[in-house]
Amino acid sequence: MKRSRSPVVLAAVIATALLVGGCASGGSSTQGQASGSAAASSESSPLGDIPDNQVYVPYSPADASFTVTVPEGWGRTDLSNGVSFTDKLNTVTVQQLNGRPQPTVDSVRTSELSDVAAQGSNVVPGKVEARTLPAGDAVHASYSADAAPDPVTGRVVTDDVELYVFWRNGSEVLLTLSGPHGADDVDAWRQVSNSFAWA
């Protein structure tokens, strides 16, 4: 069953990529540290790597209906339906939508991802699948897309984006995690997504 498309959902998913791109200038404070003879080494951590010692803190909306841990110290931007946390090249966005039908793999693929593909730049949809997380069943989708050009250099970064859709009793929470392609964010994104819990 196809859900009706939500422009609010689409706008926030696109905004995640724009926030990342808009913050792409300069070096990242979370860039991995090379070891030993790093200065002469040809290997370096890709921009956007989230360090293993990153500290996480809990976030809850005003109604305290759920909690999720987010990286400590990242810049916060309040949205009309949630919040976004950004540290240069990486972004965590949390949105809450009420009165929503239960999402399915097909509904996420045919609404959120199809709208992103139509309005984003160089969007390449990835896998959409059902996942069982500590909070229960969720729909997970992935895609890549161009971030907005850097306002200073004009450089365009390709972002890898993960979207988790949680739902309970008509309340839908969208957890969007994005960072530059090739960055080692797997452990950090697992930490955030697994931390989600309904109150």
N, C-alpha and C. Protein backbone atom coordinates (compact mmCIF):
# COMPACT_ATOMS: atom_id res chain seq x y z
N MET A 1 0.84 -1.17 0.00
CA MET A 1 0.00 0.00 0.00
C MET A 1 0.89 1.24 0.00
N LYS A 2 0.68 2.13 -0.93
CA LYS A 2 1.50 3.31 -1.07
C LYS A 2 1.00 4.42 -0.17
N ARG A 3 1.90 5.00 0.61
CA ARG A 3 1.52 6.12 1.44
C ARG A 3 1.57 7.40 0.62
N SER A 4 0.80 8.38 1.03
CA SER A 4 0.87 9.67 0.36
C SER A 4 2.20 10.32 0.68
N ARG A 5 2.75 11.01 -0.28
CA ARG A 5 4.05 11.63 -0.09
C ARG A 5 3.95 12.84 0.81
N SER A 6 4.93 13.02 1.65
CA SER A 6 4.94 14.15 2.57
C SER A 6 6.02 15.13 2.16
N PRO A 7 5.65 16.35 1.77
CA PRO A 7 6.68 17.33 1.42
C PRO A 7 7.55 17.69 2.60
N VAL A 8 7.02 17.54 3.82
CA VAL A 8 7.82 17.83 5.00
C VAL A 8 8.96 16.83 5.12
N VAL A 9 8.62 15.55 4.90
CA VAL A 9 9.65 14.50 4.95
C VAL A 9 10.70 14.75 3.89
N LEU A 10 10.25 15.01 2.66
CA LEU A 10 11.19 15.22 1.57
C LEU A 10 12.08 16.40 1.82
N ALA A 11 11.50 17.50 2.28
CA ALA A 11 12.29 18.71 2.50
C ALA A 11 13.38 18.47 3.52
N ALA A 12 13.07 17.72 4.57
CA ALA A 12 14.06 17.49 5.61
C ALA A 12 15.15 16.55 5.15
N VAL A 13 14.79 15.54 4.35
CA VAL A 13 15.81 14.62 3.84
C VAL A 13 16.77 15.36 2.91
N ILE A 14 16.22 16.21 2.03
CA ILE A 14 17.07 17.00 1.15
C ILE A 14 17.90 17.98 1.97
N ALA A 15 17.29 18.56 3.01
CA ALA A 15 18.01 19.53 3.84
C ALA A 15 19.22 18.91 4.50
N THR A 16 19.14 17.62 4.82
CA THR A 16 20.29 16.94 5.42
C THR A 16 21.50 17.03 4.51
N ALA A 17 21.29 16.73 3.22
CA ALA A 17 22.40 16.79 2.26
C ALA A 17 22.89 18.22 2.10
N LEU A 18 21.98 19.20 2.11
CA LEU A 18 22.38 20.59 1.95
C LEU A 18 23.18 21.08 3.14
N LEU A 19 22.77 20.67 4.36
CA LEU A 19 23.51 21.06 5.55
C LEU A 19 24.93 20.54 5.51
N VAL A 20 25.08 19.28 5.07
CA VAL A 20 26.42 18.69 5.00
C VAL A 20 27.27 19.43 4.00
N GLY A 21 26.71 19.69 2.81
CA GLY A 21 27.47 20.37 1.78
C GLY A 21 27.83 21.78 2.17
N GLY A 22 26.91 22.47 2.84
CA GLY A 22 27.15 23.85 3.22
C GLY A 22 28.24 23.99 4.27
N CYS A 23 28.56 22.91 4.95
CA CYS A 23 29.58 22.96 6.00
C CYS A 23 30.87 22.31 5.56
N ALA A 24 31.04 22.10 4.25
CA ALA A 24 32.15 21.29 3.78
C ALA A 24 33.47 22.03 3.70
N SER A 25 33.50 23.33 3.88
CA SER A 25 34.75 24.04 3.76
C SER A 25 35.60 23.83 5.00
N GLY A 26 36.93 23.85 4.77
CA GLY A 26 37.85 23.73 5.90
C GLY A 26 38.06 22.29 6.29
N GLY A 27 39.02 22.07 7.21
CA GLY A 27 39.31 20.72 7.66
C GLY A 27 38.31 20.27 8.70
N SER A 28 38.14 18.97 8.83
CA SER A 28 37.20 18.43 9.80
C SER A 28 37.90 18.10 11.10
N SER A 29 37.31 18.56 12.21
CA SER A 29 37.90 18.26 13.51
C SER A 29 37.73 16.81 13.87
N THR A 30 36.86 16.09 13.13
CA THR A 30 36.65 14.68 13.43
C THR A 30 37.46 13.79 12.50
N GLN A 31 38.32 14.38 11.68
CA GLN A 31 39.10 13.57 10.77
C GLN A 31 40.00 12.64 11.55
N GLY A 32 40.09 11.38 11.09
CA GLY A 32 40.89 10.40 11.79
C GLY A 32 42.34 10.82 11.87
N GLN A 33 43.03 10.44 12.93
CA GLN A 33 44.41 10.79 13.13
C GLN A 33 45.29 9.68 12.58
N ALA A 34 46.28 10.06 11.77
CA ALA A 34 47.21 9.07 11.25
C ALA A 34 48.19 8.72 12.35
N SER A 35 48.81 7.56 12.27
CA SER A 35 49.71 7.12 13.31
C SER A 35 51.14 7.02 12.79
N GLY A 36 52.10 7.00 13.74
CA GLY A 36 53.49 6.78 13.40
C GLY A 36 54.00 7.82 12.42
N SER A 37 54.50 7.37 11.26
CA SER A 37 55.07 8.26 10.27
C SER A 37 53.99 8.78 9.36
N ALA A 38 52.97 9.41 9.96
CA ALA A 38 51.79 9.85 9.21
C ALA A 38 52.16 10.88 8.16
N ALA A 39 53.11 11.75 8.46
CA ALA A 39 53.43 12.83 7.54
C ALA A 39 53.88 12.31 6.19
N ALA A 40 54.57 11.16 6.18
CA ALA A 40 55.09 10.62 4.94
C ALA A 40 54.20 9.54 4.36
N SER A 41 53.17 9.19 5.09
CA SER A 41 52.33 8.09 4.64
C SER A 41 51.42 8.52 3.51
N SER A 42 51.18 7.62 2.56
CA SER A 42 50.28 7.92 1.46
C SER A 42 48.84 7.64 1.84
N GLU A 43 48.62 7.01 3.00
CA GLU A 43 47.27 6.71 3.45
C GLU A 43 46.81 7.77 4.44
N SER A 44 45.56 8.15 4.31
CA SER A 44 44.97 9.08 5.27
C SER A 44 43.50 8.78 5.38
N SER A 45 42.91 9.12 6.52
CA SER A 45 41.49 8.87 6.73
C SER A 45 40.70 9.83 5.86
N PRO A 46 39.65 9.35 5.21
CA PRO A 46 38.83 10.24 4.39
C PRO A 46 38.21 11.34 5.24
N LEU A 47 37.97 12.50 4.64
CA LEU A 47 37.30 13.57 5.34
C LEU A 47 35.95 13.09 5.83
N GLY A 48 35.61 13.47 7.05
CA GLY A 48 34.32 13.09 7.59
C GLY A 48 34.35 11.91 8.52
N ASP A 49 35.48 11.24 8.67
CA ASP A 49 35.55 10.13 9.61
C ASP A 49 35.18 10.60 11.01
N ILE A 50 34.29 9.87 11.67
CA ILE A 50 33.92 10.18 13.05
C ILE A 50 34.84 9.37 13.96
N PRO A 51 35.55 10.01 14.88
CA PRO A 51 36.53 9.29 15.68
C PRO A 51 35.89 8.25 16.60
N ASP A 52 36.66 7.22 16.91
CA ASP A 52 36.16 6.15 17.77
C ASP A 52 35.86 6.65 19.18
N ASN A 53 36.52 7.72 19.61
CA ASN A 53 36.32 8.22 20.97
C ASN A 53 35.23 9.30 21.04
N GLN A 54 34.44 9.43 19.99
CA GLN A 54 33.33 10.39 20.01
C GLN A 54 32.39 10.07 21.17
N VAL A 55 31.99 11.10 21.91
CA VAL A 55 31.06 10.95 23.03
C VAL A 55 29.64 11.23 22.54
N TYR A 56 28.67 10.48 23.05
CA TYR A 56 27.27 10.63 22.65
C TYR A 56 26.43 11.03 23.85
N VAL A 57 25.41 11.83 23.59
CA VAL A 57 24.51 12.29 24.66
C VAL A 57 23.07 12.05 24.21
N PRO A 58 22.16 11.86 25.16
CA PRO A 58 20.77 11.59 24.78
C PRO A 58 20.03 12.83 24.32
N TYR A 59 19.15 12.62 23.35
CA TYR A 59 18.24 13.67 22.90
C TYR A 59 16.81 13.14 22.99
N SER A 60 15.91 13.98 23.48
CA SER A 60 14.48 13.65 23.51
C SER A 60 13.70 14.87 23.05
N PRO A 61 12.59 14.68 22.33
CA PRO A 61 11.76 15.82 21.94
C PRO A 61 11.01 16.38 23.14
N ALA A 62 10.28 17.46 22.91
CA ALA A 62 9.56 18.11 24.01
C ALA A 62 8.55 17.19 24.68
N ASP A 63 7.93 16.28 23.89
CA ASP A 63 6.93 15.38 24.49
C ASP A 63 7.55 14.14 25.11
N ALA A 64 8.88 14.02 25.03
CA ALA A 64 9.61 12.90 25.65
C ALA A 64 9.10 11.54 25.21
N SER A 65 8.62 11.45 23.97
CA SER A 65 8.06 10.18 23.48
C SER A 65 9.13 9.18 23.06
N PHE A 66 10.35 9.65 22.87
CA PHE A 66 11.45 8.74 22.50
C PHE A 66 12.76 9.39 22.89
N THR A 67 13.82 8.58 22.86
CA THR A 67 15.17 9.10 23.06
C THR A 67 16.09 8.50 22.00
N VAL A 68 17.14 9.24 21.68
CA VAL A 68 18.17 8.74 20.77
C VAL A 68 19.46 9.46 21.14
N THR A 69 20.58 8.76 21.09
CA THR A 69 21.84 9.41 21.42
C THR A 69 22.42 10.05 20.16
N VAL A 70 22.98 11.24 20.34
CA VAL A 70 23.58 11.99 19.24
C VAL A 70 24.98 12.42 19.66
N PRO A 71 25.85 12.70 18.69
CA PRO A 71 27.22 13.09 19.05
C PRO A 71 27.27 14.39 19.86
N GLU A 72 28.01 14.36 20.92
CA GLU A 72 28.15 15.53 21.78
C GLU A 72 28.99 16.59 21.08
N GLY A 73 28.60 17.85 21.25
CA GLY A 73 29.39 18.95 20.72
C GLY A 73 29.08 19.35 19.30
N TRP A 74 28.21 18.64 18.62
CA TRP A 74 27.85 19.00 17.25
C TRP A 74 26.88 20.18 17.27
N GLY A 75 26.95 21.01 16.24
CA GLY A 75 26.07 22.16 16.14
C GLY A 75 24.62 21.74 15.97
N ARG A 76 23.72 22.39 16.70
CA ARG A 76 22.31 22.03 16.67
C ARG A 76 21.51 23.06 15.87
N THR A 77 20.60 22.57 15.03
CA THR A 77 19.66 23.41 14.30
C THR A 77 18.26 22.88 14.54
N ASP A 78 17.39 23.72 15.10
CA ASP A 78 16.01 23.30 15.34
C ASP A 78 15.21 23.38 14.05
N LEU A 79 14.41 22.35 13.78
CA LEU A 79 13.56 22.28 12.61
C LEU A 79 12.11 22.38 13.04
N SER A 80 11.21 22.57 12.08
CA SER A 80 9.79 22.69 12.42
C SER A 80 9.25 21.40 13.03
N ASN A 81 9.86 20.27 12.67
CA ASN A 81 9.36 18.99 13.17
C ASN A 81 10.46 18.14 13.80
N GLY A 82 11.55 18.79 14.22
CA GLY A 82 12.62 18.01 14.81
C GLY A 82 13.87 18.83 15.02
N VAL A 83 15.00 18.19 14.81
CA VAL A 83 16.29 18.83 15.10
C VAL A 83 17.36 18.19 14.23
N SER A 84 18.41 18.95 13.97
CA SER A 84 19.53 18.45 13.19
C SER A 84 20.83 18.78 13.91
N PHE A 85 21.76 17.83 13.92
CA PHE A 85 23.07 18.02 14.56
C PHE A 85 24.14 17.85 13.49
N THR A 86 25.03 18.83 13.36
CA THR A 86 26.02 18.81 12.28
C THR A 86 27.41 19.11 12.82
N ASP A 87 28.39 18.36 12.33
CA ASP A 87 29.78 18.66 12.60
C ASP A 87 30.52 18.63 11.27
N LYS A 88 30.62 19.79 10.64
CA LYS A 88 31.27 19.93 9.35
C LYS A 88 30.63 19.01 8.31
N LEU A 89 31.19 17.84 8.06
CA LEU A 89 30.74 17.02 6.94
C LEU A 89 29.67 15.99 7.31
N ASN A 90 29.35 15.83 8.56
CA ASN A 90 28.39 14.80 8.98
C ASN A 90 27.16 15.43 9.63
N THR A 91 26.02 14.80 9.43
CA THR A 91 24.77 15.32 9.98
C THR A 91 23.89 14.20 10.49
N VAL A 92 23.27 14.43 11.64
CA VAL A 92 22.24 13.55 12.19
C VAL A 92 20.96 14.38 12.28
N THR A 93 19.90 13.95 11.62
CA THR A 93 18.63 14.66 11.66
C THR A 93 17.56 13.75 12.26
N VAL A 94 16.79 14.30 13.20
CA VAL A 94 15.72 13.55 13.87
C VAL A 94 14.42 14.32 13.66
N GLN A 95 13.41 13.67 13.06
CA GLN A 95 12.12 14.31 12.82
C GLN A 95 11.01 13.44 13.38
N GLN A 96 9.97 14.09 13.86
CA GLN A 96 8.81 13.37 14.38
C GLN A 96 7.56 13.85 13.64
N LEU A 97 6.81 12.89 13.07
CA LEU A 97 5.59 13.18 12.34
C LEU A 97 4.46 12.39 12.95
N ASN A 98 3.33 13.03 13.19
CA ASN A 98 2.20 12.36 13.81
C ASN A 98 1.09 12.08 12.81
N GLY A 99 0.24 11.10 13.15
CA GLY A 99 -0.87 10.74 12.28
C GLY A 99 -0.43 10.07 11.00
N ARG A 100 0.61 9.27 11.08
CA ARG A 100 1.17 8.62 9.88
C ARG A 100 0.78 7.14 9.85
N PRO A 101 0.54 6.60 8.65
CA PRO A 101 0.31 5.15 8.54
C PRO A 101 1.62 4.40 8.74
N GLN A 102 1.50 3.15 9.12
CA GLN A 102 2.71 2.36 9.36
C GLN A 102 3.50 2.21 8.06
N PRO A 103 4.78 2.55 8.07
CA PRO A 103 5.59 2.45 6.86
C PRO A 103 5.93 1.01 6.50
N THR A 104 6.15 0.79 5.22
CA THR A 104 6.59 -0.50 4.73
C THR A 104 7.79 -0.27 3.82
N VAL A 105 8.45 -1.33 3.44
CA VAL A 105 9.56 -1.22 2.49
C VAL A 105 9.08 -0.56 1.20
N ASP A 106 7.93 -1.00 0.70
CA ASP A 106 7.41 -0.44 -0.54
C ASP A 106 7.03 1.03 -0.40
N SER A 107 6.41 1.41 0.73
CA SER A 107 5.98 2.80 0.88
C SER A 107 7.17 3.75 0.99
N VAL A 108 8.22 3.33 1.67
CA VAL A 108 9.41 4.17 1.77
C VAL A 108 10.08 4.30 0.40
N ARG A 109 10.13 3.20 -0.34
CA ARG A 109 10.75 3.23 -1.66
C ARG A 109 9.98 4.11 -2.63
N THR A 110 8.65 4.04 -2.58
CA THR A 110 7.84 4.76 -3.57
C THR A 110 7.48 6.17 -3.16
N SER A 111 7.71 6.56 -1.93
CA SER A 111 7.42 7.94 -1.53
C SER A 111 8.70 8.70 -1.22
N GLU A 112 9.30 8.45 -0.07
CA GLU A 112 10.49 9.20 0.30
C GLU A 112 11.61 9.10 -0.74
N LEU A 113 11.99 7.90 -1.11
CA LEU A 113 13.13 7.75 -2.01
C LEU A 113 12.84 8.22 -3.42
N SER A 114 11.63 8.02 -3.90
CA SER A 114 11.32 8.47 -5.26
C SER A 114 11.29 10.00 -5.32
N ASP A 115 10.82 10.65 -4.27
CA ASP A 115 10.83 12.11 -4.23
C ASP A 115 12.25 12.65 -4.14
N VAL A 116 13.08 12.01 -3.33
CA VAL A 116 14.48 12.42 -3.23
C VAL A 116 15.16 12.30 -4.58
N ALA A 117 14.91 11.19 -5.28
CA ALA A 117 15.53 10.98 -6.59
C ALA A 117 15.08 12.03 -7.60
N ALA A 118 13.82 12.46 -7.50
CA ALA A 118 13.30 13.43 -8.45
C ALA A 118 13.84 14.83 -8.20
N GLN A 119 14.11 15.17 -6.93
CA GLN A 119 14.47 16.54 -6.60
C GLN A 119 15.93 16.72 -6.20
N GLY A 120 16.63 15.64 -5.89
CA GLY A 120 18.02 15.75 -5.51
C GLY A 120 18.94 15.79 -6.72
N SER A 121 20.23 15.86 -6.47
CA SER A 121 21.23 15.91 -7.53
C SER A 121 22.06 14.63 -7.52
N ASN A 122 22.07 13.93 -8.66
CA ASN A 122 22.83 12.68 -8.81
C ASN A 122 22.48 11.68 -7.71
N VAL A 123 21.21 11.52 -7.44
CA VAL A 123 20.76 10.58 -6.40
C VAL A 123 20.83 9.16 -6.94
N VAL A 124 21.45 8.30 -6.19
CA VAL A 124 21.53 6.88 -6.54
C VAL A 124 20.89 6.09 -5.39
N PRO A 125 19.65 5.63 -5.57
CA PRO A 125 18.99 4.88 -4.50
C PRO A 125 19.73 3.58 -4.21
N GLY A 126 19.72 3.20 -2.95
CA GLY A 126 20.32 1.94 -2.54
C GLY A 126 19.26 0.97 -2.06
N LYS A 127 19.64 0.14 -1.13
CA LYS A 127 18.74 -0.89 -0.63
C LYS A 127 17.71 -0.31 0.33
N VAL A 128 16.51 -0.86 0.26
CA VAL A 128 15.46 -0.55 1.23
C VAL A 128 15.05 -1.87 1.85
N GLU A 129 15.08 -1.95 3.17
CA GLU A 129 14.83 -3.23 3.82
C GLU A 129 14.23 -3.04 5.21
N ALA A 130 13.54 -4.05 5.66
CA ALA A 130 13.04 -4.07 7.04
C ALA A 130 14.17 -4.52 7.95
N ARG A 131 14.29 -3.87 9.09
CA ARG A 131 15.31 -4.24 10.07
C ARG A 131 14.69 -4.32 11.45
N THR A 132 15.23 -5.21 12.25
CA THR A 132 14.82 -5.30 13.65
C THR A 132 15.94 -4.72 14.50
N LEU A 133 15.65 -3.62 15.16
CA LEU A 133 16.61 -2.93 16.01
C LEU A 133 16.16 -3.06 17.46
N PRO A 134 16.98 -2.63 18.42
CA PRO A 134 16.56 -2.73 19.82
C PRO A 134 15.19 -2.09 20.09
N ALA A 135 14.83 -1.05 19.32
CA ALA A 135 13.54 -0.39 19.53
C ALA A 135 12.39 -1.15 18.87
N GLY A 136 12.72 -2.15 18.06
CA GLY A 136 11.68 -2.90 17.36
C GLY A 136 11.89 -2.84 15.85
N ASP A 137 10.83 -3.10 15.10
CA ASP A 137 10.93 -3.11 13.64
C ASP A 137 11.04 -1.69 13.09
N ALA A 138 11.84 -1.55 12.05
CA ALA A 138 12.02 -0.27 11.38
C ALA A 138 12.28 -0.54 9.91
N VAL A 139 12.14 0.50 9.09
CA VAL A 139 12.50 0.41 7.68
C VAL A 139 13.78 1.21 7.49
N HIS A 140 14.76 0.60 6.85
CA HIS A 140 16.05 1.24 6.60
C HIS A 140 16.24 1.42 5.11
N ALA A 141 16.62 2.63 4.70
CA ALA A 141 16.89 2.93 3.29
C ALA A 141 18.23 3.63 3.19
N SER A 142 18.89 3.44 2.08
CA SER A 142 20.17 4.12 1.85
C SER A 142 20.19 4.69 0.43
N TYR A 143 20.94 5.75 0.28
CA TYR A 143 21.14 6.32 -1.05
C TYR A 143 22.36 7.24 -1.00
N SER A 144 22.85 7.63 -2.16
CA SER A 144 23.91 8.62 -2.24
C SER A 144 23.40 9.79 -3.07
N ALA A 145 23.96 10.97 -2.82
CA ALA A 145 23.52 12.17 -3.53
C ALA A 145 24.59 13.24 -3.39
N ASP A 146 24.59 14.18 -4.34
CA ASP A 146 25.49 15.32 -4.24
C ASP A 146 25.02 16.25 -3.14
N ALA A 147 25.95 16.69 -2.31
CA ALA A 147 25.65 17.76 -1.38
C ALA A 147 25.68 19.08 -2.14
N ALA A 148 25.22 20.14 -1.49
CA ALA A 148 25.30 21.46 -2.12
C ALA A 148 26.77 21.84 -2.30
N PRO A 149 27.09 22.58 -3.35
CA PRO A 149 28.48 22.99 -3.56
C PRO A 149 29.00 23.81 -2.39
N ASP A 150 30.27 23.65 -2.07
CA ASP A 150 30.88 24.45 -1.04
C ASP A 150 30.78 25.92 -1.43
N PRO A 151 30.30 26.78 -0.54
CA PRO A 151 30.09 28.18 -0.91
C PRO A 151 31.38 28.93 -1.23
N VAL A 152 32.54 28.42 -0.78
CA VAL A 152 33.81 29.09 -1.03
C VAL A 152 34.53 28.49 -2.23
N THR A 153 34.68 27.16 -2.22
CA THR A 153 35.47 26.51 -3.27
C THR A 153 34.63 26.00 -4.44
N GLY A 154 33.32 25.85 -4.23
CA GLY A 154 32.47 25.29 -5.28
C GLY A 154 32.56 23.78 -5.38
N ARG A 155 33.36 23.17 -4.51
CA ARG A 155 33.53 21.72 -4.54
C ARG A 155 32.23 21.01 -4.15
N VAL A 156 31.92 19.94 -4.86
CA VAL A 156 30.73 19.15 -4.57
C VAL A 156 31.16 17.82 -3.97
N VAL A 157 30.59 17.50 -2.83
CA VAL A 157 30.89 16.25 -2.13
C VAL A 157 29.73 15.29 -2.31
N THR A 158 30.03 14.02 -2.57
CA THR A 158 28.99 12.99 -2.63
C THR A 158 28.77 12.44 -1.24
N ASP A 159 27.53 12.50 -0.80
CA ASP A 159 27.18 12.01 0.53
C ASP A 159 26.55 10.63 0.46
N ASP A 160 26.87 9.80 1.44
CA ASP A 160 26.15 8.56 1.67
C ASP A 160 25.13 8.84 2.77
N VAL A 161 23.88 8.46 2.51
CA VAL A 161 22.80 8.78 3.43
C VAL A 161 22.09 7.51 3.86
N GLU A 162 21.83 7.40 5.16
CA GLU A 162 21.03 6.31 5.70
C GLU A 162 19.79 6.90 6.35
N LEU A 163 18.65 6.31 6.06
CA LEU A 163 17.38 6.76 6.63
C LEU A 163 16.75 5.60 7.39
N TYR A 164 16.44 5.82 8.66
CA TYR A 164 15.72 4.85 9.48
C TYR A 164 14.34 5.41 9.78
N VAL A 165 13.31 4.61 9.52
CA VAL A 165 11.93 5.04 9.76
C VAL A 165 11.36 4.18 10.88
N PHE A 166 11.13 4.80 12.04
CA PHE A 166 10.53 4.13 13.19
C PHE A 166 9.07 4.55 13.29
N TRP A 167 8.22 3.66 13.78
CA TRP A 167 6.79 3.97 13.86
C TRP A 167 6.16 3.28 15.06
N ARG A 168 5.25 4.01 15.74
CA ARG A 168 4.45 3.41 16.81
C ARG A 168 3.17 4.22 16.99
N ASN A 169 2.05 3.54 16.86
CA ASN A 169 0.74 4.15 17.13
C ASN A 169 0.53 5.48 16.40
N GLY A 170 0.89 5.52 15.14
CA GLY A 170 0.68 6.71 14.33
C GLY A 170 1.79 7.74 14.41
N SER A 171 2.74 7.55 15.30
CA SER A 171 3.88 8.46 15.40
C SER A 171 5.07 7.90 14.63
N GLU A 172 5.57 8.67 13.71
CA GLU A 172 6.70 8.24 12.87
C GLU A 172 7.91 9.10 13.18
N VAL A 173 9.04 8.46 13.38
CA VAL A 173 10.29 9.17 13.61
C VAL A 173 11.26 8.81 12.48
N LEU A 174 11.77 9.85 11.84
CA LEU A 174 12.75 9.68 10.77
C LEU A 174 14.12 10.04 11.31
N LEU A 175 15.03 9.10 11.24
CA LEU A 175 16.41 9.31 11.68
C LEU A 175 17.28 9.25 10.43
N THR A 176 17.84 10.40 10.05
CA THR A 176 18.65 10.50 8.84
C THR A 176 20.10 10.75 9.21
N LEU A 177 20.99 9.93 8.69
CA LEU A 177 22.42 9.99 8.99
C LEU A 177 23.17 10.17 7.68
N SER A 178 23.97 11.21 7.57
CA SER A 178 24.67 11.45 6.31
C SER A 178 26.09 11.90 6.53
N GLY A 179 26.96 11.53 5.60
CA GLY A 179 28.36 11.91 5.63
C GLY A 179 28.98 11.66 4.28
N PRO A 180 30.18 12.18 4.05
CA PRO A 180 30.82 12.06 2.74
C PRO A 180 31.13 10.61 2.38
N HIS A 181 31.00 10.31 1.11
CA HIS A 181 31.28 8.96 0.62
C HIS A 181 32.71 8.55 0.98
N GLY A 182 32.83 7.35 1.52
CA GLY A 182 34.15 6.83 1.88
C GLY A 182 34.54 7.07 3.32
N ALA A 183 33.78 7.91 4.02
CA ALA A 183 34.10 8.14 5.44
C ALA A 183 33.75 6.92 6.26
N ASP A 184 34.52 6.69 7.32
CA ASP A 184 34.31 5.52 8.17
C ASP A 184 33.34 5.89 9.29
N ASP A 185 32.04 5.91 8.93
CA ASP A 185 31.02 6.29 9.90
C ASP A 185 30.15 5.10 10.34
N VAL A 186 30.51 3.91 9.94
CA VAL A 186 29.66 2.74 10.18
C VAL A 186 29.39 2.55 11.67
N ASP A 187 30.45 2.56 12.48
CA ASP A 187 30.26 2.32 13.91
C ASP A 187 29.45 3.44 14.56
N ALA A 188 29.71 4.68 14.14
CA ALA A 188 28.98 5.82 14.72
C ALA A 188 27.51 5.74 14.36
N TRP A 189 27.19 5.46 13.11
CA TRP A 189 25.78 5.39 12.71
C TRP A 189 25.08 4.20 13.37
N ARG A 190 25.81 3.11 13.59
CA ARG A 190 25.21 1.96 14.30
C ARG A 190 24.90 2.36 15.75
N GLN A 191 25.83 3.10 16.36
CA GLN A 191 25.62 3.54 17.74
C GLN A 191 24.36 4.40 17.84
N VAL A 192 24.19 5.32 16.90
CA VAL A 192 23.03 6.21 16.94
C VAL A 192 21.74 5.44 16.66
N SER A 193 21.71 4.66 15.60
CA SER A 193 20.47 3.97 15.23
C SER A 193 20.05 2.94 16.27
N ASN A 194 21.02 2.24 16.85
CA ASN A 194 20.69 1.25 17.88
C ASN A 194 20.25 1.88 19.20
N SER A 195 20.58 3.15 19.39
CA SER A 195 20.24 3.81 20.64
C SER A 195 18.79 4.27 20.68
N PHE A 196 18.13 4.33 19.53
CA PHE A 196 16.75 4.84 19.51
C PHE A 196 15.86 3.97 20.38
N ALA A 197 15.04 4.63 21.20
CA ALA A 197 14.12 3.88 22.07
C ALA A 197 12.84 4.69 22.29
N TRP A 198 11.71 4.03 22.19
CA TRP A 198 10.45 4.66 22.54
C TRP A 198 10.34 4.77 24.06
N ALA A 199 9.73 5.86 24.54
CA ALA A 199 9.57 6.04 25.98
C ALA A 199 8.46 5.15 26.50
